[in-house]
Amino acid sequence: MAYDQDLAQRIRDIVTGEPGLTEQKMFGGLAFLVNGNMAVAASKEGGLLLRVAPERTEELLAEPDAYEFTMRGDKPMTGWLRVRPDRLDDEALLERWTEVGVSFARSLPPK
């Protein structure tokens, strides 16, 4: 399955103007990076894939929009989340989750 190009454009519209922003195909989706650090991506599996502060992982997983990102389907990855595609029709939620990822990427040292 290819990533949702409409979702990618909606993310692009939100992050346009972010200093150090680049786009890169990653994990079969389209990722948006800040200073070389992945922030958020339109996932090939639908919805968002985003990076979060590892210490916020459990807190954010308690929200109904988010679920655990697992590597190869069996290894949970602290500091990474997925957001359900059916929740992203709500523009405010898309903006919120995008900002969570961008804020964390912004806090990291440039690559």
PDB file of N, CA and C in Angstrom:
ATOM      1  N   MET A   1       0.841  -1.179   0.000  1.00  0.00           N
ATOM      2  CA  MET A   1       0.000   0.000   0.000  1.00  0.00           C
ATOM      3  C   MET A   1       0.892   1.250   0.000  1.00  0.00           C
ATOM      4  N   ALA A   2       0.593   2.187  -0.832  1.00  0.00           N
ATOM      5  CA  ALA A   2       1.333   3.447  -0.888  1.00  0.00           C
ATOM      6  C   ALA A   2       0.777   4.397   0.172  1.00  0.00           C
ATOM      7  N   TYR A   3       1.580   5.378   0.535  1.00  0.00           N
ATOM      8  CA  TYR A   3       1.110   6.365   1.510  1.00  0.00           C
ATOM      9  C   TYR A   3       0.033   7.246   0.876  1.00  0.00           C
ATOM     10  N   ASP A   4      -0.784   7.847   1.715  1.00  0.00           N
ATOM     11  CA  ASP A   4      -1.881   8.715   1.308  1.00  0.00           C
ATOM     12  C   ASP A   4      -1.305  10.078   0.907  1.00  0.00           C
ATOM     13  N   GLN A   5      -1.310  10.371  -0.382  1.00  0.00           N
ATOM     14  CA  GLN A   5      -0.723  11.618  -0.865  1.00  0.00           C
ATOM     15  C   GLN A   5      -1.515  12.840  -0.409  1.00  0.00           C
ATOM     16  N   ASP A   6      -2.822  12.684  -0.227  1.00  0.00           N
ATOM     17  CA  ASP A   6      -3.636  13.784   0.298  1.00  0.00           C
ATOM     18  C   ASP A   6      -3.210  14.099   1.734  1.00  0.00           C
ATOM     19  N   LEU A   7      -3.017  13.055   2.534  1.00  0.00           N
ATOM     20  CA  LEU A   7      -2.557  13.257   3.908  1.00  0.00           C
ATOM     21  C   LEU A   7      -1.180  13.922   3.908  1.00  0.00           C
ATOM     22  N   ALA A   8      -0.291  13.476   3.046  1.00  0.00           N
ATOM     23  CA  ALA A   8       1.043  14.082   2.956  1.00  0.00           C
ATOM     24  C   ALA A   8       0.932  15.572   2.633  1.00  0.00           C
ATOM     25  N   GLN A   9       0.035  15.933   1.743  1.00  0.00           N
ATOM     26  CA  GLN A   9      -0.136  17.350   1.396  1.00  0.00           C
ATOM     27  C   GLN A   9      -0.695  18.133   2.576  1.00  0.00           C
ATOM     28  N   ARG A  10      -1.617  17.541   3.307  1.00  0.00           N
ATOM     29  CA  ARG A  10      -2.171  18.215   4.489  1.00  0.00           C
ATOM     30  C   ARG A  10      -1.091  18.442   5.547  1.00  0.00           C
ATOM     31  N   ILE A  11      -0.215  17.455   5.728  1.00  0.00           N
ATOM     32  CA  ILE A  11       0.906  17.624   6.656  1.00  0.00           C
ATOM     33  C   ILE A  11       1.818  18.735   6.146  1.00  0.00           C
ATOM     34  N   ARG A  12       2.132  18.694   4.868  1.00  0.00           N
ATOM     35  CA  ARG A  12       2.994  19.713   4.245  1.00  0.00           C
ATOM     36  C   ARG A  12       2.426  21.109   4.490  1.00  0.00           C
ATOM     37  N   ASP A  13       1.116  21.252   4.338  1.00  0.00           N
ATOM     38  CA  ASP A  13       0.474  22.551   4.561  1.00  0.00           C
ATOM     39  C   ASP A  13       0.666  23.026   6.003  1.00  0.00           C
ATOM     40  N   ILE A  14       0.684  22.099   6.935  1.00  0.00           N
ATOM     41  CA  ILE A  14       0.855  22.437   8.353  1.00  0.00           C
ATOM     42  C   ILE A  14       2.300  22.833   8.651  1.00  0.00           C
ATOM     43  N   VAL A  15       3.254  22.111   8.103  1.00  0.00           N
ATOM     44  CA  VAL A  15       4.667  22.318   8.470  1.00  0.00           C
ATOM     45  C   VAL A  15       5.409  23.306   7.586  1.00  0.00           C
ATOM     46  N   THR A  16       4.785  23.764   6.515  1.00  0.00           N
ATOM     47  CA  THR A  16       5.448  24.724   5.631  1.00  0.00           C
ATOM     48  C   THR A  16       5.925  25.924   6.442  1.00  0.00           C
ATOM     49  N   GLY A  17       7.176  26.300   6.217  1.00  0.00           N
ATOM     50  CA  GLY A  17       7.763  27.429   6.925  1.00  0.00           C
ATOM     51  C   GLY A  17       8.574  27.021   8.143  1.00  0.00           C
ATOM     52  N   GLU A  18       8.485  25.743   8.532  1.00  0.00           N
ATOM     53  CA  GLU A  18       9.287  25.260   9.665  1.00  0.00           C
ATOM     54  C   GLU A  18      10.762  25.309   9.272  1.00  0.00           C
ATOM     55  N   PRO A  19      11.600  25.991  10.060  1.00  0.00           N
ATOM     56  CA  PRO A  19      13.025  26.035   9.734  1.00  0.00           C
ATOM     57  C   PRO A  19      13.635  24.631   9.715  1.00  0.00           C
ATOM     58  N   GLY A  20      14.494  24.391   8.737  1.00  0.00           N
ATOM     59  CA  GLY A  20      15.198  23.106   8.646  1.00  0.00           C
ATOM     60  C   GLY A  20      14.344  21.957   8.143  1.00  0.00           C
ATOM     61  N   LEU A  21      13.195  22.244   7.546  1.00  0.00           N
ATOM     62  CA  LEU A  21      12.276  21.201   7.093  1.00  0.00           C
ATOM     63  C   LEU A  21      12.727  20.580   5.775  1.00  0.00           C
ATOM     64  N   THR A  22      12.710  19.260   5.726  1.00  0.00           N
ATOM     65  CA  THR A  22      12.933  18.524   4.489  1.00  0.00           C
ATOM     66  C   THR A  22      11.937  17.376   4.439  1.00  0.00           C
ATOM     67  N   GLU A  23      11.778  16.815   3.248  1.00  0.00           N
ATOM     68  CA  GLU A  23      10.924  15.647   3.043  1.00  0.00           C
ATOM     69  C   GLU A  23      11.786  14.513   2.522  1.00  0.00           C
ATOM     70  N   GLN A  24      11.425  13.303   2.931  1.00  0.00           N
ATOM     71  CA  GLN A  24      12.189  12.143   2.479  1.00  0.00           C
ATOM     72  C   GLN A  24      11.295  10.913   2.531  1.00  0.00           C
ATOM     73  N   LYS A  25      11.388  10.087   1.505  1.00  0.00           N
ATOM     74  CA  LYS A  25      10.669   8.821   1.539  1.00  0.00           C
ATOM     75  C   LYS A  25      11.375   7.909   2.546  1.00  0.00           C
ATOM     76  N   MET A  26      10.606   7.428   3.510  1.00  0.00           N
ATOM     77  CA  MET A  26      11.128   6.556   4.564  1.00  0.00           C
ATOM     78  C   MET A  26      10.050   5.556   4.958  1.00  0.00           C
ATOM     79  N   PHE A  27      10.451   4.365   5.273  1.00  0.00           N
ATOM     80  CA  PHE A  27       9.528   3.337   5.761  1.00  0.00           C
ATOM     81  C   PHE A  27       8.344   3.146   4.813  1.00  0.00           C
ATOM     82  N   GLY A  28       8.536   3.425   3.544  1.00  0.00           N
ATOM     83  CA  GLY A  28       7.471   3.283   2.563  1.00  0.00           C
ATOM     84  C   GLY A  28       6.482   4.430   2.553  1.00  0.00           C
ATOM     85  N   GLY A  29       6.713   5.425   3.378  1.00  0.00           N
ATOM     86  CA  GLY A  29       5.842   6.594   3.444  1.00  0.00           C
ATOM     87  C   GLY A  29       6.622   7.846   3.097  1.00  0.00           C
ATOM     88  N   LEU A  30       6.028   8.986   3.372  1.00  0.00           N
ATOM     89  CA  LEU A  30       6.700  10.262   3.146  1.00  0.00           C
ATOM     90  C   LEU A  30       6.893  10.924   4.496  1.00  0.00           C
ATOM     91  N   ALA A  31       8.166  11.091   4.884  1.00  0.00           N
ATOM     92  CA  ALA A  31       8.512  11.660   6.178  1.00  0.00           C
ATOM     93  C   ALA A  31       8.864  13.128   6.046  1.00  0.00           C
ATOM     94  N   PHE A  32       8.557  13.849   7.099  1.00  0.00           N
ATOM     95  CA  PHE A  32       8.923  15.263   7.219  1.00  0.00           C
ATOM     96  C   PHE A  32       9.933  15.349   8.353  1.00  0.00           C
ATOM     97  N   LEU A  33      11.099  15.892   8.020  1.00  0.00           N
ATOM     98  CA  LEU A  33      12.207  15.956   8.967  1.00  0.00           C
ATOM     99  C   LEU A  33      12.500  17.404   9.326  1.00  0.00           C
ATOM    100  N   VAL A  34      12.923  17.613  10.560  1.00  0.00           N
ATOM    101  CA  VAL A  34      13.351  18.930  11.021  1.00  0.00           C
ATOM    102  C   VAL A  34      14.818  18.805  11.386  1.00  0.00           C
ATOM    103  N   ASN A  35      15.649  19.536  10.672  1.00  0.00           N
ATOM    104  CA  ASN A  35      17.107  19.485  10.882  1.00  0.00           C
ATOM    105  C   ASN A  35      17.634  18.055  10.808  1.00  0.00           C
ATOM    106  N   GLY A  36      17.066  17.266   9.919  1.00  0.00           N
ATOM    107  CA  GLY A  36      17.522  15.901   9.700  1.00  0.00           C
ATOM    108  C   GLY A  36      16.903  14.867  10.619  1.00  0.00           C
ATOM    109  N   ASN A  37      16.050  15.276  11.545  1.00  0.00           N
ATOM    110  CA  ASN A  37      15.394  14.357  12.468  1.00  0.00           C
ATOM    111  C   ASN A  37      13.942  14.141  12.055  1.00  0.00           C
ATOM    112  N   MET A  38      13.557  12.872  11.908  1.00  0.00           N
ATOM    113  CA  MET A  38      12.189  12.583  11.506  1.00  0.00           C
ATOM    114  C   MET A  38      11.209  13.081  12.555  1.00  0.00           C
ATOM    115  N   ALA A  39      10.182  13.791  12.102  1.00  0.00           N
ATOM    116  CA  ALA A  39       9.159  14.334  12.986  1.00  0.00           C
ATOM    117  C   ALA A  39       7.856  13.566  12.823  1.00  0.00           C
ATOM    118  N   VAL A  40       7.373  13.504  11.586  1.00  0.00           N
ATOM    119  CA  VAL A  40       6.073  12.912  11.292  1.00  0.00           C
ATOM    120  C   VAL A  40       6.099  12.385   9.868  1.00  0.00           C
ATOM    121  N   ALA A  41       5.296  11.365   9.611  1.00  0.00           N
ATOM    122  CA  ALA A  41       5.242  10.802   8.258  1.00  0.00           C
ATOM    123  C   ALA A  41       3.829  10.371   7.919  1.00  0.00           C
ATOM    124  N   ALA A  42       3.494  10.504   6.654  1.00  0.00           N
ATOM    125  CA  ALA A  42       2.301   9.867   6.108  1.00  0.00           C
ATOM    126  C   ALA A  42       2.722   8.415   5.885  1.00  0.00           C
ATOM    127  N   SER A  43       2.157   7.522   6.666  1.00  0.00           N
ATOM    128  CA  SER A  43       2.603   6.133   6.680  1.00  0.00           C
ATOM    129  C   SER A  43       2.014   5.321   5.540  1.00  0.00           C
ATOM    130  N   LYS A  44       2.783   4.375   5.052  1.00  0.00           N
ATOM    131  CA  LYS A  44       2.281   3.470   4.008  1.00  0.00           C
ATOM    132  C   LYS A  44       1.179   2.570   4.562  1.00  0.00           C
ATOM    133  N   GLU A  45       1.110   2.436   5.874  1.00  0.00           N
ATOM    134  CA  GLU A  45       0.077   1.624   6.505  1.00  0.00           C
ATOM    135  C   GLU A  45      -1.167   2.435   6.830  1.00  0.00           C
ATOM    136  N   GLY A  46      -1.178   3.700   6.415  1.00  0.00           N
ATOM    137  CA  GLY A  46      -2.284   4.595   6.710  1.00  0.00           C
ATOM    138  C   GLY A  46      -2.008   5.371   7.985  1.00  0.00           C
ATOM    139  N   GLY A  47      -2.559   6.538   8.071  1.00  0.00           N
ATOM    140  CA  GLY A  47      -2.367   7.356   9.262  1.00  0.00           C
ATOM    141  C   GLY A  47      -0.980   7.934   9.358  1.00  0.00           C
ATOM    142  N   LEU A  48      -0.648   8.352  10.571  1.00  0.00           N
ATOM    143  CA  LEU A  48       0.637   8.985  10.831  1.00  0.00           C
ATOM    144  C   LEU A  48       1.573   8.047  11.562  1.00  0.00           C
ATOM    145  N   LEU A  49       2.842   8.250  11.325  1.00  0.00           N
ATOM    146  CA  LEU A  49       3.907   7.696  12.133  1.00  0.00           C
ATOM    147  C   LEU A  49       4.640   8.915  12.657  1.00  0.00           C
ATOM    148  N   LEU A  50       4.857   8.995  13.960  1.00  0.00           N
ATOM    149  CA  LEU A  50       5.559  10.147  14.472  1.00  0.00           C
ATOM    150  C   LEU A  50       6.485   9.791  15.607  1.00  0.00           C
ATOM    151  N   ARG A  51       7.469  10.661  15.761  1.00  0.00           N
ATOM    152  CA  ARG A  51       8.427  10.550  16.855  1.00  0.00           C
ATOM    153  C   ARG A  51       7.958  11.419  17.987  1.00  0.00           C
ATOM    154  N   VAL A  52       8.108  10.896  19.194  1.00  0.00           N
ATOM    155  CA  VAL A  52       7.720  11.644  20.385  1.00  0.00           C
ATOM    156  C   VAL A  52       8.820  11.493  21.427  1.00  0.00           C
ATOM    157  N   ALA A  53       8.800  12.356  22.414  1.00  0.00           N
ATOM    158  CA  ALA A  53       9.748  12.220  23.515  1.00  0.00           C
ATOM    159  C   ALA A  53       9.508  10.859  24.166  1.00  0.00           C
ATOM    160  N   PRO A  54      10.545  10.043  24.313  1.00  0.00           N
ATOM    161  CA  PRO A  54      10.351   8.705  24.877  1.00  0.00           C
ATOM    162  C   PRO A  54       9.606   8.707  26.204  1.00  0.00           C
ATOM    163  N   GLU A  55       9.859   9.720  27.030  1.00  0.00           N
ATOM    164  CA  GLU A  55       9.187   9.773  28.323  1.00  0.00           C
ATOM    165  C   GLU A  55       7.698  10.111  28.214  1.00  0.00           C
ATOM    166  N   ARG A  56       7.244  10.525  27.046  1.00  0.00           N
ATOM    167  CA  ARG A  56       5.814  10.820  26.830  1.00  0.00           C
ATOM    168  C   ARG A  56       5.076   9.672  26.144  1.00  0.00           C
ATOM    169  N   THR A  57       5.776   8.622  25.775  1.00  0.00           N
ATOM    170  CA  THR A  57       5.159   7.532  25.018  1.00  0.00           C
ATOM    171  C   THR A  57       3.918   6.991  25.716  1.00  0.00           C
ATOM    172  N   GLU A  58       4.041   6.591  26.959  1.00  0.00           N
ATOM    173  CA  GLU A  58       2.901   5.989  27.676  1.00  0.00           C
ATOM    174  C   GLU A  58       1.757   6.975  27.817  1.00  0.00           C
ATOM    175  N   GLU A  59       2.061   8.216  28.141  1.00  0.00           N
ATOM    176  CA  GLU A  59       1.030   9.260  28.273  1.00  0.00           C
ATOM    177  C   GLU A  59       0.249   9.409  26.967  1.00  0.00           C
ATOM    178  N   LEU A  60       0.948   9.484  25.862  1.00  0.00           N
ATOM    179  CA  LEU A  60       0.296   9.684  24.569  1.00  0.00           C
ATOM    180  C   LEU A  60      -0.450   8.437  24.098  1.00  0.00           C
ATOM    181  N   LEU A  61       0.041   7.262  24.482  1.00  0.00           N
ATOM    182  CA  LEU A  61      -0.663   6.023  24.118  1.00  0.00           C
ATOM    183  C   LEU A  61      -2.006   5.902  24.823  1.00  0.00           C
ATOM    184  N   ALA A  62      -2.202   6.640  25.885  1.00  0.00           N
ATOM    185  CA  ALA A  62      -3.484   6.616  26.599  1.00  0.00           C
ATOM    186  C   ALA A  62      -4.577   7.356  25.817  1.00  0.00           C
ATOM    187  N   GLU A  63      -4.180   8.099  24.802  1.00  0.00           N
ATOM    188  CA  GLU A  63      -5.157   8.835  23.996  1.00  0.00           C
ATOM    189  C   GLU A  63      -5.767   7.907  22.940  1.00  0.00           C
ATOM    190  N   PRO A  64      -7.053   8.093  22.629  1.00  0.00           N
ATOM    191  CA  PRO A  64      -7.723   7.166  21.709  1.00  0.00           C
ATOM    192  C   PRO A  64      -7.213   7.217  20.266  1.00  0.00           C
ATOM    193  N   ASP A  65      -6.518   8.272  19.896  1.00  0.00           N
ATOM    194  CA  ASP A  65      -6.028   8.412  18.518  1.00  0.00           C
ATOM    195  C   ASP A  65      -4.783   7.587  18.254  1.00  0.00           C
ATOM    196  N   ALA A  66      -4.001   7.333  19.303  1.00  0.00           N
ATOM    197  CA  ALA A  66      -2.655   6.778  19.141  1.00  0.00           C
ATOM    198  C   ALA A  66      -2.604   5.291  19.461  1.00  0.00           C
ATOM    199  N   TYR A  67      -1.659   4.631  18.811  1.00  0.00           N
ATOM    200  CA  TYR A  67      -1.357   3.252  19.164  1.00  0.00           C
ATOM    201  C   TYR A  67       0.132   3.010  18.960  1.00  0.00           C
ATOM    202  N   GLU A  68       0.586   1.926  19.533  1.00  0.00           N
ATOM    203  CA  GLU A  68       2.003   1.605  19.579  1.00  0.00           C
ATOM    204  C   GLU A  68       2.568   1.304  18.189  1.00  0.00           C
ATOM    205  N   PHE A  69       3.750   1.827  17.946  1.00  0.00           N
ATOM    206  CA  PHE A  69       4.492   1.474  16.735  1.00  0.00           C
ATOM    207  C   PHE A  69       5.353   0.282  17.078  1.00  0.00           C
ATOM    208  N   THR A  70       5.255  -0.743  16.274  1.00  0.00           N
ATOM    209  CA  THR A  70       6.094  -1.921  16.486  1.00  0.00           C
ATOM    210  C   THR A  70       6.952  -2.147  15.253  1.00  0.00           C
ATOM    211  N   MET A  71       8.177  -2.513  15.500  1.00  0.00           N
ATOM    212  CA  MET A  71       9.108  -2.821  14.429  1.00  0.00           C
ATOM    213  C   MET A  71       8.887  -4.263  14.012  1.00  0.00           C
ATOM    214  N   ARG A  72       8.636  -4.457  12.740  1.00  0.00           N
ATOM    215  CA  ARG A  72       8.377  -5.788  12.178  1.00  0.00           C
ATOM    216  C   ARG A  72       7.236  -6.504  12.885  1.00  0.00           C
ATOM    217  N   GLY A  73       6.316  -5.707  13.452  1.00  0.00           N
ATOM    218  CA  GLY A  73       5.113  -6.270  14.025  1.00  0.00           C
ATOM    219  C   GLY A  73       5.230  -6.864  15.406  1.00  0.00           C
ATOM    220  N   ASP A  74       6.445  -6.885  15.985  1.00  0.00           N
ATOM    221  CA  ASP A  74       6.520  -7.530  17.295  1.00  0.00           C
ATOM    222  C   ASP A  74       7.358  -6.795  18.335  1.00  0.00           C
ATOM    223  N   LYS A  75       8.120  -5.798  17.948  1.00  0.00           N
ATOM    224  CA  LYS A  75       8.972  -5.107  18.908  1.00  0.00           C
ATOM    225  C   LYS A  75       8.473  -3.673  19.105  1.00  0.00           C
ATOM    226  N   PRO A  76       7.848  -3.383  20.267  1.00  0.00           N
ATOM    227  CA  PRO A  76       7.372  -2.018  20.516  1.00  0.00           C
ATOM    228  C   PRO A  76       8.541  -1.036  20.550  1.00  0.00           C
ATOM    229  N   MET A  77       8.327   0.120  19.961  1.00  0.00           N
ATOM    230  CA  MET A  77       9.387   1.127  19.871  1.00  0.00           C
ATOM    231  C   MET A  77       9.008   2.349  20.716  1.00  0.00           C
ATOM    232  N   THR A  78       9.666   2.492  21.856  1.00  0.00           N
ATOM    233  CA  THR A  78       9.457   3.660  22.705  1.00  0.00           C
ATOM    234  C   THR A  78       9.890   4.903  21.937  1.00  0.00           C
ATOM    235  N   GLY A  79       9.064   5.950  22.031  1.00  0.00           N
ATOM    236  CA  GLY A  79       9.390   7.198  21.344  1.00  0.00           C
ATOM    237  C   GLY A  79       8.830   7.286  19.937  1.00  0.00           C
ATOM    238  N   TRP A  80       8.072   6.282  19.531  1.00  0.00           N
ATOM    239  CA  TRP A  80       7.440   6.277  18.204  1.00  0.00           C
ATOM    240  C   TRP A  80       5.982   5.878  18.383  1.00  0.00           C
ATOM    241  N   LEU A  81       5.074   6.546  17.673  1.00  0.00           N
ATOM    242  CA  LEU A  81       3.644   6.251  17.741  1.00  0.00           C
ATOM    243  C   LEU A  81       3.040   6.231  16.346  1.00  0.00           C
ATOM    244  N   ARG A  82       1.909   5.606  16.273  1.00  0.00           N
ATOM    245  CA  ARG A  82       1.059   5.698  15.083  1.00  0.00           C
ATOM    246  C   ARG A  82      -0.233   6.383  15.501  1.00  0.00           C
ATOM    247  N   VAL A  83      -0.832   7.093  14.557  1.00  0.00           N
ATOM    248  CA  VAL A  83      -2.143   7.709  14.774  1.00  0.00           C
ATOM    249  C   VAL A  83      -3.087   7.134  13.744  1.00  0.00           C
ATOM    250  N   ARG A  84      -4.223   6.677  14.228  1.00  0.00           N
ATOM    251  CA  ARG A  84      -5.225   6.006  13.397  1.00  0.00           C
ATOM    252  C   ARG A  84      -5.691   6.885  12.233  1.00  0.00           C
ATOM    253  N   PRO A  85      -5.726   6.333  11.029  1.00  0.00           N
ATOM    254  CA  PRO A  85      -6.131   7.129   9.860  1.00  0.00           C
ATOM    255  C   PRO A  85      -7.554   7.665   9.961  1.00  0.00           C
ATOM    256  N   ASP A  86      -8.449   6.907  10.600  1.00  0.00           N
ATOM    257  CA  ASP A  86      -9.841   7.354  10.685  1.00  0.00           C
ATOM    258  C   ASP A  86     -10.021   8.565  11.594  1.00  0.00           C
ATOM    259  N   ARG A  87      -9.016   8.905  12.375  1.00  0.00           N
ATOM    260  CA  ARG A  87      -9.077  10.061  13.270  1.00  0.00           C
ATOM    261  C   ARG A  87      -8.557  11.330  12.591  1.00  0.00           C
ATOM    262  N   LEU A  88      -7.941  11.188  11.440  1.00  0.00           N
ATOM    263  CA  LEU A  88      -7.244  12.320  10.835  1.00  0.00           C
ATOM    264  C   LEU A  88      -8.112  13.159   9.908  1.00  0.00           C
ATOM    265  N   ASP A  89      -9.396  12.824   9.810  1.00  0.00           N
ATOM    266  CA  ASP A  89     -10.305  13.708   9.078  1.00  0.00           C
ATOM    267  C   ASP A  89     -10.502  15.013   9.844  1.00  0.00           C
ATOM    268  N   ASP A  90     -10.272  14.958  11.140  1.00  0.00           N
ATOM    269  CA  ASP A  90     -10.373  16.127  12.009  1.00  0.00           C
ATOM    270  C   ASP A  90      -9.073  16.929  11.879  1.00  0.00           C
ATOM    271  N   GLU A  91      -9.167  18.083  11.235  1.00  0.00           N
ATOM    272  CA  GLU A  91      -7.972  18.887  10.958  1.00  0.00           C
ATOM    273  C   GLU A  91      -7.251  19.302  12.236  1.00  0.00           C
ATOM    274  N   ALA A  92      -8.003  19.602  13.288  1.00  0.00           N
ATOM    275  CA  ALA A  92      -7.378  20.003  14.556  1.00  0.00           C
ATOM    276  C   ALA A  92      -6.544  18.861  15.132  1.00  0.00           C
ATOM    277  N   LEU A  93      -7.024  17.625  15.019  1.00  0.00           N
ATOM    278  CA  LEU A  93      -6.246  16.480  15.512  1.00  0.00           C
ATOM    279  C   LEU A  93      -4.989  16.273  14.682  1.00  0.00           C
ATOM    280  N   LEU A  94      -5.116  16.408  13.364  1.00  0.00           N
ATOM    281  CA  LEU A  94      -3.928  16.281  12.513  1.00  0.00           C
ATOM    282  C   LEU A  94      -2.899  17.339  12.882  1.00  0.00           C
ATOM    283  N   GLU A  95      -3.341  18.562  13.073  1.00  0.00           N
ATOM    284  CA  GLU A  95      -2.422  19.631  13.456  1.00  0.00           C
ATOM    285  C   GLU A  95      -1.782  19.342  14.807  1.00  0.00           C
ATOM    286  N   ARG A  96      -2.563  18.868  15.766  1.00  0.00           N
ATOM    287  CA  ARG A  96      -2.029  18.576  17.093  1.00  0.00           C
ATOM    288  C   ARG A  96      -0.955  17.497  17.035  1.00  0.00           C
ATOM    289  N   TRP A  97      -1.271  16.375  16.372  1.00  0.00           N
ATOM    290  CA  TRP A  97      -0.305  15.278  16.315  1.00  0.00           C
ATOM    291  C   TRP A  97       0.934  15.663  15.517  1.00  0.00           C
ATOM    292  N   THR A  98       0.744  16.424  14.465  1.00  0.00           N
ATOM    293  CA  THR A  98       1.887  16.894  13.683  1.00  0.00           C
ATOM    294  C   THR A  98       2.788  17.752  14.559  1.00  0.00           C
ATOM    295  N   GLU A  99       2.200  18.623  15.346  1.00  0.00           N
ATOM    296  CA  GLU A  99       2.984  19.494  16.221  1.00  0.00           C
ATOM    297  C   GLU A  99       3.709  18.693  17.294  1.00  0.00           C
ATOM    298  N   VAL A 100       3.108  17.625  17.798  1.00  0.00           N
ATOM    299  CA  VAL A 100       3.798  16.774  18.779  1.00  0.00           C
ATOM    300  C   VAL A 100       5.101  16.246  18.167  1.00  0.00           C
ATOM    301  N   GLY A 101       5.017  15.726  16.946  1.00  0.00           N
ATOM    302  CA  GLY A 101       6.211  15.195  16.283  1.00  0.00           C
ATOM    303  C   GLY A 101       7.222  16.268  15.946  1.00  0.00           C
ATOM    304  N   VAL A 102       6.743  17.387  15.411  1.00  0.00           N
ATOM    305  CA  VAL A 102       7.649  18.476  15.023  1.00  0.00           C
ATOM    306  C   VAL A 102       8.335  19.066  16.259  1.00  0.00           C
ATOM    307  N   SER A 103       7.601  19.244  17.334  1.00  0.00           N
ATOM    308  CA  SER A 103       8.186  19.801  18.560  1.00  0.00           C
ATOM    309  C   SER A 103       9.318  18.935  19.068  1.00  0.00           C
ATOM    310  N   PHE A 104       9.107  17.613  19.051  1.00  0.00           N
ATOM    311  CA  PHE A 104      10.169  16.740  19.534  1.00  0.00           C
ATOM    312  C   PHE A 104      11.379  16.790  18.593  1.00  0.00           C
ATOM    313  N   ALA A 105      11.137  16.723  17.296  1.00  0.00           N
ATOM    314  CA  ALA A 105      12.251  16.765  16.337  1.00  0.00           C
ATOM    315  C   ALA A 105      13.026  18.077  16.463  1.00  0.00           C
ATOM    316  N   ARG A 106      12.307  19.150  16.708  1.00  0.00           N
ATOM    317  CA  ARG A 106      12.928  20.467  16.867  1.00  0.00           C
ATOM    318  C   ARG A 106      13.859  20.489  18.090  1.00  0.00           C
ATOM    319  N   SER A 107      13.545  19.691  19.100  1.00  0.00           N
ATOM    320  CA  SER A 107      14.334  19.681  20.339  1.00  0.00           C
ATOM    321  C   SER A 107      15.630  18.881  20.220  1.00  0.00           C
ATOM    322  N   LEU A 108      15.777  18.117  19.154  1.00  0.00           N
ATOM    323  CA  LEU A 108      16.945  17.256  18.982  1.00  0.00           C
ATOM    324  C   LEU A 108      18.086  18.013  18.300  1.00  0.00           C
ATOM    325  N   PRO A 109      19.324  17.586  18.543  1.00  0.00           N
ATOM    326  CA  PRO A 109      20.442  18.227  17.837  1.00  0.00           C
ATOM    327  C   PRO A 109      20.354  17.970  16.329  1.00  0.00           C
ATOM    328  N   PRO A 110      20.709  18.931  15.514  1.00  0.00           N
ATOM    329  CA  PRO A 110      20.684  18.719  14.059  1.00  0.00           C
ATOM    330  C   PRO A 110      21.601  17.578  13.657  1.00  0.00           C
ATOM    331  N   LYS A 111      21.205  16.890  12.595  1.00  0.00           N
ATOM    332  CA  LYS A 111      22.035  15.800  12.048  1.00  0.00           C
ATOM    333  C   LYS A 111      22.826  16.334  10.875  1.00  0.00           C
TER     334      LYS A 111
END
